[in-house]
Amino acid sequence: MSQQAAPKDFGFGEDEALLRDLAHKFLDEKLPVETLRRLVAEAPEPVYEQGQRTRWDEGLWKEIVELGWAGLAVGEAEGGAAISMAGIAGLVEQVGRHALPSPLIATLNATLVLRAAGGEVAKSLLSRIAMGTTATLAITNERGSWEPEDSALEAREVGDELVLSGTAFFVQDACKADLLVASARLGDAIVLCAVDANASGVQIEVDHIHDLTRDQATVRFDGVRVTAARQVSRDAGAALRAAWPALLVVVAADLCGTSEWQLQTTVEYAKQRKQFDREIGFFQAVKHPLVNAMVEIDRARSLLYHAACCIDTGAEDAEIAARMAKSAASDAGEFISDRSVQLHGGIGFTWECDVHIFFKRSMHNQALFGDGVHQRKKLANALIGEVA
């Protein structure tokens, strides 16, 4: 992609603003925090104590598909909306702001990798995703590395088929996915394949995580056969590297959304809760951390849309911009999560306070694809040389 001149407002125009506002209105109506609480936090024991899958509203997902969100990153030729990364970031912020339990984030990330891979197989899969097929990435090894050369799966050729064996870890929303987009070593090459989640030889084991708005799983591949029609690319490394900035932008956008909810909710609480005959927001020990949180979130959001714009314009430093955005969003999420619990006082760490739902989603996102420290190390390596 040749680099274009940076547009005004990071390319966030009327269409992107309309998409964001419609998403906000739709989720306000369909998923107010009371509904979210009943869905994911009313009876957590089966998830936390028995290892069952997290709950989600499949009816709401069907409405989301009808709105075209599943095909946001899919090209028009494949039946998608071909929305810019700035537009996707705006919508995903609203998804994070409502802590939407759905396979949307995982599907978007799988879509971005397939789009980067290109080719007829990828186009066929993208058409299915635009119609509502859910997908997720199975690319992470047991050490948590997402680097292509660290792929946890091995592939061998049997005729025109590939046979996959091994275990993929930390697979996001695997229990909601129809397709697993997996990378595997084939000799000196890294291949990218799409596997049905219910294919013979695929075993999904639910991980115990604290975030109730999504699931995570360990996926075992035991001699899983992949036909030529599902072999996406013989250069998965190139596809993953090309998609990497966009993956970071998606997670950073979700982080900005959860952080904004925590900030606004804590501000409202500080306006209402009284201590010593005054609203607690009157005291500097409360108002100053909230202002600092606002500054951190706005800084992260500015970097987020700059990174999205870099992707949209084909800028050479898109990965650097995306890592900066993920670093800032992770740090902002950590700061406001800590302060939102603290400033809610004694109720802040109780189950009845909805802050914990967004706190846990934020914590998961902070670690996903590398936290702020990890991103800064990568930035240092890129800008000033390898850091021990």
Protein backbone atom coordinates (compact mmCIF):
# COMPACT_ATOMS: atom_id res chain seq x y z
CA MET A 1 0.00 0.00 0.00
CA SER A 2 1.41 3.39 -0.99
CA GLN A 3 1.36 6.05 1.70
CA GLN A 4 -1.29 8.76 1.40
CA ALA A 5 -1.31 12.22 2.93
CA ALA A 6 -2.76 12.25 6.44
CA PRO A 7 -6.37 13.50 6.31
CA LYS A 8 -8.02 15.96 8.66
CA ASP A 9 -9.17 14.64 12.06
CA PHE A 10 -7.32 11.34 11.50
CA GLY A 11 -9.83 10.52 8.75
CA PHE A 12 -12.67 10.39 11.27
CA GLY A 13 -15.37 11.99 9.15
CA GLU A 14 -19.17 12.10 9.05
CA ASP A 15 -19.56 8.42 8.14
CA GLU A 16 -17.31 7.29 10.98
CA ALA A 17 -19.08 9.58 13.46
CA LEU A 18 -22.47 8.28 12.33
CA LEU A 19 -21.35 4.67 12.80
CA ARG A 20 -20.01 5.46 16.28
CA ASP A 21 -23.16 7.29 17.33
CA LEU A 22 -25.45 4.56 16.02
CA ALA A 23 -23.39 1.96 17.89
CA HIS A 24 -23.63 4.00 21.08
CA LYS A 25 -27.41 4.37 20.75
CA PHE A 26 -27.93 0.70 19.85
CA LEU A 27 -25.85 -0.61 22.75
CA ASP A 28 -27.37 1.88 25.20
CA GLU A 29 -30.76 0.46 24.27
CA LYS A 30 -29.87 -3.22 23.99
CA LEU A 31 -27.19 -3.55 26.67
CA PRO A 32 -27.61 -1.10 29.55
CA VAL A 33 -25.42 -1.97 32.51
CA GLU A 34 -28.35 -3.58 34.33
CA THR A 35 -28.81 -6.02 31.44
CA LEU A 36 -25.06 -6.67 31.30
CA ARG A 37 -25.03 -7.40 35.04
CA ARG A 38 -27.88 -9.91 34.75
CA LEU A 39 -26.22 -11.57 31.77
CA VAL A 40 -22.67 -12.07 33.03
CA ALA A 41 -22.47 -11.27 36.74
CA GLU A 42 -25.70 -12.44 38.35
CA ALA A 43 -24.59 -16.05 38.79
CA PRO A 44 -20.82 -16.37 38.17
CA GLU A 45 -20.31 -19.60 40.10
CA PRO A 46 -20.73 -21.95 37.08
CA VAL A 47 -17.98 -20.01 35.27
CA TYR A 48 -15.58 -19.46 38.14
CA GLU A 49 -16.06 -22.70 40.08
CA GLN A 50 -17.20 -25.23 37.49
CA GLY A 51 -15.32 -24.01 34.41
CA GLN A 52 -18.44 -23.51 32.30
CA ARG A 53 -18.55 -21.18 29.32
CA THR A 54 -19.43 -17.54 29.84
CA ARG A 55 -22.92 -16.37 28.94
CA TRP A 56 -23.69 -14.16 25.96
CA ASP A 57 -26.81 -13.06 24.09
CA GLU A 58 -26.87 -14.88 20.76
CA GLY A 59 -30.02 -12.98 19.77
CA LEU A 60 -28.17 -9.70 20.20
CA TRP A 61 -25.31 -11.09 18.08
CA LYS A 62 -27.77 -11.79 15.24
CA GLU A 63 -28.90 -8.16 15.38
CA ILE A 64 -25.26 -7.05 15.30
CA VAL A 65 -24.69 -9.16 12.19
CA GLU A 66 -27.76 -7.59 10.57
CA LEU A 67 -26.27 -4.16 11.29
CA GLY A 68 -23.19 -5.21 9.33
CA TRP A 69 -20.69 -5.04 12.17
CA ALA A 70 -19.34 -8.53 11.45
CA GLY A 71 -18.24 -7.32 8.02
CA LEU A 72 -16.74 -3.97 9.03
CA ALA A 73 -13.25 -4.99 7.92
CA VAL A 74 -14.44 -7.07 4.95
CA GLY A 75 -14.19 -5.59 1.47
CA GLU A 76 -17.29 -4.63 -0.48
CA ALA A 77 -16.55 -7.27 -3.11
CA GLU A 78 -16.89 -9.92 -0.40
CA GLY A 79 -20.13 -8.47 0.97
CA GLY A 80 -18.64 -6.33 3.74
CA ALA A 81 -18.69 -2.64 4.61
CA ALA A 82 -14.99 -1.88 4.03
CA ILE A 83 -14.96 0.62 6.89
CA SER A 84 -11.73 2.51 7.62
CA MET A 85 -9.68 1.63 10.70
CA ALA A 86 -10.70 5.00 12.15
CA GLY A 87 -14.33 3.96 11.82
CA ILE A 88 -13.66 0.53 13.29
CA ALA A 89 -11.83 2.12 16.23
CA GLY A 90 -14.81 4.40 16.89
CA LEU A 91 -17.24 1.50 16.94
CA VAL A 92 -15.00 -0.74 19.05
CA GLU A 93 -14.70 2.06 21.61
CA GLN A 94 -18.46 1.79 22.08
CA VAL A 95 -18.18 -1.99 22.32
CA GLY A 96 -15.67 -1.56 25.14
CA ARG A 97 -17.72 1.17 26.76
CA HIS A 98 -20.61 -1.30 27.08
CA ALA A 99 -18.37 -4.35 27.77
CA LEU A 100 -20.27 -6.19 25.04
CA PRO A 101 -20.05 -9.98 25.52
CA SER A 102 -19.78 -11.22 21.94
CA PRO A 103 -17.32 -12.72 19.45
CA LEU A 104 -17.04 -9.37 17.63
CA ILE A 105 -13.49 -8.45 18.73
CA ALA A 106 -12.13 -11.94 18.04
CA THR A 107 -13.89 -12.03 14.67
CA LEU A 108 -12.57 -8.59 13.70
CA ASN A 109 -9.02 -9.67 14.52
CA ALA A 110 -9.33 -12.87 12.50
CA THR A 111 -10.82 -10.83 9.65
CA LEU A 112 -7.90 -8.41 9.65
CA VAL A 113 -5.41 -11.27 9.36
CA LEU A 114 -7.36 -12.92 6.52
CA ARG A 115 -7.62 -9.56 4.74
CA ALA A 116 -3.88 -9.08 5.05
CA ALA A 117 -3.23 -12.59 3.71
CA GLY A 118 -5.33 -12.02 0.60
CA GLY A 119 -6.02 -14.66 -2.05
CA GLU A 120 -9.10 -16.56 -3.13
CA VAL A 121 -9.34 -18.73 -0.01
CA ALA A 122 -9.24 -15.69 2.23
CA LYS A 123 -11.87 -13.92 0.12
CA SER A 124 -14.20 -16.91 0.40
CA LEU A 125 -13.80 -16.97 4.18
CA LEU A 126 -14.30 -13.21 4.43
CA SER A 127 -17.59 -13.53 2.57
CA ARG A 128 -18.74 -16.05 5.16
CA ILE A 129 -17.69 -13.77 8.02
CA ALA A 130 -19.63 -10.86 6.53
CA MET A 131 -22.71 -13.11 6.65
CA GLY A 132 -22.22 -13.84 10.35
CA THR A 133 -19.70 -16.66 10.62
CA THR A 134 -17.64 -16.08 13.77
CA ALA A 135 -13.88 -16.54 13.85
CA THR A 136 -10.88 -16.24 16.13
CA LEU A 137 -7.10 -16.48 15.94
CA ALA A 138 -5.28 -19.60 17.15
CA ILE A 139 -1.71 -18.31 16.87
CA THR A 140 -0.33 -18.18 20.42
CA ASN A 141 2.05 -20.63 22.07
CA GLU A 142 2.16 -21.61 25.74
CA ARG A 143 4.58 -18.79 26.58
CA GLY A 144 2.08 -16.25 25.29
CA SER A 145 4.10 -15.35 22.18
CA TRP A 146 2.18 -14.18 19.11
CA GLU A 147 5.26 -14.06 16.88
CA PRO A 148 4.78 -16.16 13.72
CA GLU A 149 8.03 -18.05 14.22
CA ASP A 150 6.81 -19.15 17.66
CA SER A 151 3.75 -20.91 16.28
CA ALA A 152 2.64 -23.72 18.58
CA LEU A 153 1.29 -25.93 15.78
CA GLU A 154 3.09 -28.22 13.36
CA ALA A 155 1.85 -29.02 9.87
CA ARG A 156 2.73 -31.84 7.51
CA GLU A 157 1.64 -32.43 3.95
CA VAL A 158 -0.43 -35.44 3.02
CA GLY A 159 -1.26 -35.17 -0.66
CA ASP A 160 -2.88 -31.79 -1.20
CA GLU A 161 -3.98 -31.62 2.43
CA LEU A 162 -2.22 -30.32 5.53
CA VAL A 163 -2.41 -32.17 8.83
CA LEU A 164 -2.17 -29.96 11.94
CA SER A 165 -0.99 -31.10 15.35
CA GLY A 166 -0.18 -29.22 18.54
CA THR A 167 -1.84 -26.84 20.96
CA ALA A 168 -2.80 -23.18 20.59
CA PHE A 169 -3.11 -21.22 23.82
CA PHE A 170 -5.01 -18.11 24.92
CA VAL A 171 -7.51 -18.39 22.05
CA GLN A 172 -10.02 -15.57 22.47
CA ASP A 173 -13.74 -16.40 22.46
CA ALA A 174 -12.97 -19.85 21.07
CA CYS A 175 -16.25 -21.17 22.45
CA LYS A 176 -18.17 -18.69 20.29
CA ALA A 177 -16.12 -19.18 17.11
CA ASP A 178 -17.17 -21.14 14.04
CA LEU A 179 -13.71 -20.81 12.46
CA LEU A 180 -10.22 -21.04 13.93
CA VAL A 181 -7.63 -19.11 11.92
CA ALA A 182 -4.43 -20.93 12.85
CA SER A 183 -0.75 -20.59 12.02
CA ALA A 184 1.54 -23.64 11.87
CA ARG A 185 5.13 -24.50 11.00
CA LEU A 186 5.57 -26.44 7.77
CA GLY A 187 9.28 -27.08 7.42
CA ASP A 188 10.88 -23.66 7.12
CA ALA A 189 7.56 -21.98 6.25
CA ILE A 190 4.69 -20.73 8.42
CA VAL A 191 1.28 -21.54 6.94
CA LEU A 192 -2.07 -19.96 7.70
CA CYS A 193 -5.14 -22.18 7.73
CA ALA A 194 -8.83 -21.97 8.60
CA VAL A 195 -10.30 -24.87 10.58
CA ASP A 196 -13.89 -25.45 11.61
CA ALA A 197 -14.18 -25.31 15.39
CA ASN A 198 -16.15 -28.57 15.33
CA ALA A 199 -13.74 -30.36 12.98
CA SER A 200 -12.54 -33.86 13.82
CA GLY A 201 -9.44 -33.68 16.02
CA VAL A 202 -10.18 -30.22 17.46
CA GLN A 203 -10.60 -30.11 21.22
CA ILE A 204 -11.50 -26.86 23.00
CA GLU A 205 -10.72 -26.62 26.71
CA VAL A 206 -12.12 -23.55 28.48
CA ASP A 207 -9.56 -21.48 30.42
CA HIS A 208 -10.36 -20.04 33.83
CA ILE A 209 -10.18 -16.26 33.41
CA HIS A 210 -11.66 -13.46 35.49
CA ASP A 211 -13.23 -11.47 32.63
CA LEU A 212 -16.88 -12.51 32.49
CA THR A 213 -17.56 -10.72 29.19
CA ARG A 214 -15.57 -13.18 27.06
CA ASP A 215 -14.15 -16.68 27.13
CA GLN A 216 -10.67 -17.96 26.43
CA ALA A 217 -9.57 -21.47 25.63
CA THR A 218 -6.72 -23.85 24.99
CA VAL A 219 -7.31 -25.51 21.62
CA ARG A 220 -5.71 -28.86 20.85
CA PHE A 221 -5.24 -30.03 17.26
CA ASP A 222 -4.82 -33.79 16.93
CA GLY A 223 -4.22 -34.71 13.30
CA VAL A 224 -6.67 -32.11 11.98
CA ARG A 225 -6.92 -32.30 8.19
CA VAL A 226 -7.05 -29.05 6.23
CA THR A 227 -8.11 -29.22 2.59
CA ALA A 228 -6.71 -26.94 -0.08
CA ALA A 229 -9.91 -24.86 0.15
CA ARG A 230 -8.98 -23.88 3.71
CA GLN A 231 -5.25 -23.26 3.22
CA VAL A 232 -5.10 -19.48 3.30
CA SER A 233 -1.41 -18.71 2.86
CA ARG A 234 2.05 -20.28 2.79
CA ASP A 235 3.44 -17.07 4.29
CA ALA A 236 1.52 -16.57 7.50
CA GLY A 237 4.36 -14.48 8.89
CA ALA A 238 3.82 -11.76 6.27
CA ALA A 239 0.05 -11.75 6.88
CA LEU A 240 0.38 -11.54 10.65
CA ARG A 241 3.02 -8.81 10.48
CA ALA A 242 0.89 -6.79 8.05
CA ALA A 243 -2.19 -7.14 10.28
CA TRP A 244 -0.39 -6.54 13.56
CA PRO A 245 -0.93 -2.74 13.78
CA ALA A 246 -4.66 -3.20 13.19
CA LEU A 247 -4.92 -5.92 15.86
CA LEU A 248 -3.30 -3.59 18.39
CA VAL A 249 -5.63 -0.75 17.40
CA VAL A 250 -8.72 -2.94 17.95
CA VAL A 251 -7.66 -3.94 21.46
CA ALA A 252 -6.57 -0.36 22.30
CA ALA A 253 -9.98 0.93 21.20
CA ASP A 254 -11.76 -1.54 23.46
CA LEU A 255 -9.48 -0.42 26.30
CA CYS A 256 -10.32 3.24 25.72
CA GLY A 257 -14.00 2.36 25.85
CA THR A 258 -13.83 0.47 29.14
CA SER A 259 -11.70 3.25 30.62
CA GLU A 260 -14.20 5.91 29.57
CA TRP A 261 -17.06 4.00 31.23
CA GLN A 262 -15.11 3.70 34.46
CA LEU A 263 -14.22 7.39 34.41
CA GLN A 264 -17.76 8.62 33.73
CA THR A 265 -19.30 6.25 36.27
CA THR A 266 -16.82 7.29 38.96
CA VAL A 267 -17.38 10.99 38.23
CA GLU A 268 -21.14 10.52 38.62
CA TYR A 269 -20.61 8.65 41.89
CA ALA A 270 -18.35 11.45 43.16
CA LYS A 271 -21.12 13.97 42.42
CA GLN A 272 -23.68 12.01 44.42
CA ARG A 273 -21.82 10.40 47.34
CA LYS A 274 -21.56 12.72 50.33
CA GLN A 275 -18.99 12.73 53.10
CA PHE A 276 -18.55 15.45 55.74
CA ASP A 277 -21.68 17.15 54.33
CA ARG A 278 -20.12 17.55 50.86
CA GLU A 279 -20.09 15.55 47.65
CA ILE A 280 -16.79 13.67 47.63
CA GLY A 281 -15.96 15.19 44.25
CA PHE A 282 -15.39 18.47 46.11
CA PHE A 283 -12.19 17.13 47.67
CA GLN A 284 -8.89 17.41 45.83
CA ALA A 285 -7.95 13.83 46.73
CA VAL A 286 -10.88 12.74 44.56
CA LYS A 287 -11.03 15.33 41.78
CA HIS A 288 -7.30 15.32 40.97
CA PRO A 289 -7.06 11.56 40.21
CA LEU A 290 -10.17 11.84 38.05
CA VAL A 291 -8.66 14.72 36.07
CA ASN A 292 -5.43 12.73 35.69
CA ALA A 293 -7.46 9.76 34.43
CA MET A 294 -9.25 11.97 31.92
CA VAL A 295 -5.90 13.25 30.61
CA GLU A 296 -4.51 9.70 30.33
CA ILE A 297 -7.58 8.45 28.46
CA ASP A 298 -7.61 11.42 26.07
CA ARG A 299 -3.90 10.88 25.41
CA ALA A 300 -4.54 7.22 24.65
CA ARG A 301 -7.47 8.08 22.41
CA SER A 302 -5.39 10.60 20.45
CA LEU A 303 -2.70 7.98 19.88
CA LEU A 304 -5.38 5.43 18.98
CA TYR A 305 -6.82 7.48 16.13
CA HIS A 306 -3.38 8.52 14.96
CA ALA A 307 -2.50 4.82 14.68
CA ALA A 308 -5.76 4.07 12.85
CA CYS A 309 -5.02 6.91 10.45
CA CYS A 310 -1.51 5.56 9.84
CA ILE A 311 -3.03 2.20 8.87
CA ASP A 312 -5.62 3.81 6.61
CA THR A 313 -3.00 5.91 4.81
CA GLY A 314 -0.42 3.11 4.54
CA ALA A 315 2.16 4.91 6.67
CA GLU A 316 5.46 3.09 7.14
CA ASP A 317 5.41 3.75 10.88
CA ALA A 318 1.93 2.27 11.43
CA GLU A 319 3.27 -0.44 13.74
CA ILE A 320 5.15 2.09 15.85
CA ALA A 321 2.01 4.23 16.12
CA ALA A 322 -0.09 1.19 17.03
CA ARG A 323 2.32 0.09 19.75
CA MET A 324 2.27 3.61 21.18
CA ALA A 325 -1.54 3.50 21.23
CA LYS A 326 -1.67 0.10 22.90
CA SER A 327 0.92 1.17 25.48
CA ALA A 328 -0.97 4.35 26.36
CA ALA A 329 -4.36 2.62 26.42
CA SER A 330 -3.03 -0.13 28.69
CA ASP A 331 -1.55 2.40 31.11
CA ALA A 332 -4.72 4.50 31.12
CA GLY A 333 -6.80 1.38 31.72
CA GLU A 334 -4.64 0.35 34.64
CA PHE A 335 -4.79 3.83 36.21
CA ILE A 336 -8.55 4.37 35.99
CA SER A 337 -9.31 0.78 37.02
CA ASP A 338 -7.35 1.32 40.22
CA ARG A 339 -8.92 4.72 40.90
CA SER A 340 -12.48 3.69 40.03
CA VAL A 341 -12.42 0.96 42.68
CA GLN A 342 -10.66 3.17 45.22
CA LEU A 343 -12.93 6.19 44.75
CA HIS A 344 -16.09 4.10 45.04
CA GLY A 345 -14.99 3.50 48.61
CA GLY A 346 -16.12 0.43 50.53
CA ILE A 347 -18.59 -0.64 47.86
CA GLY A 348 -15.97 -0.40 45.10
CA PHE A 349 -14.53 -3.87 45.62
CA THR A 350 -17.89 -5.62 46.15
CA TRP A 351 -19.68 -7.81 43.63
CA GLU A 352 -22.70 -5.50 43.69
CA CYS A 353 -20.66 -2.65 42.20
CA ASP A 354 -20.58 -2.92 38.40
CA VAL A 355 -17.06 -1.49 38.27
CA HIS A 356 -15.60 -5.00 38.58
CA ILE A 357 -17.04 -6.07 35.21
CA PHE A 358 -15.19 -3.31 33.36
CA PHE A 359 -12.13 -3.59 35.61
CA LYS A 360 -11.70 -7.25 34.62
CA ARG A 361 -12.29 -6.62 30.92
CA SER A 362 -9.70 -3.85 31.06
CA MET A 363 -7.16 -6.05 32.84
CA HIS A 364 -7.59 -8.77 30.21
CA ASN A 365 -7.17 -6.26 27.39
CA GLN A 366 -4.08 -4.76 29.01
CA ALA A 367 -2.32 -8.13 28.78
CA LEU A 368 -3.76 -9.15 25.40
CA PHE A 369 -1.08 -8.82 22.67
CA GLY A 370 1.28 -7.28 25.22
CA ASP A 371 0.86 -4.73 28.01
CA GLY A 372 2.33 -1.24 28.17
CA VAL A 373 5.76 -2.43 29.30
CA HIS A 374 5.92 -5.00 26.49
CA GLN A 375 4.92 -2.42 23.88
CA ARG A 376 7.52 0.07 25.11
CA LYS A 377 10.22 -2.59 24.93
CA LYS A 378 9.23 -3.32 21.34
CA LEU A 379 9.26 0.40 20.58
CA ALA A 380 12.71 0.76 22.10
CA ASN A 381 13.97 -2.15 20.01
CA ALA A 382 12.55 -0.57 16.87
CA LEU A 383 13.74 2.96 17.54
CA ILE A 384 17.07 2.66 19.37
CA GLY A 385 18.13 -0.96 18.99
CA GLU A 386 17.72 -4.18 20.91
CA VAL A 387 17.04 -3.89 24.65
CA ALA A 388 18.09 -6.73 26.91
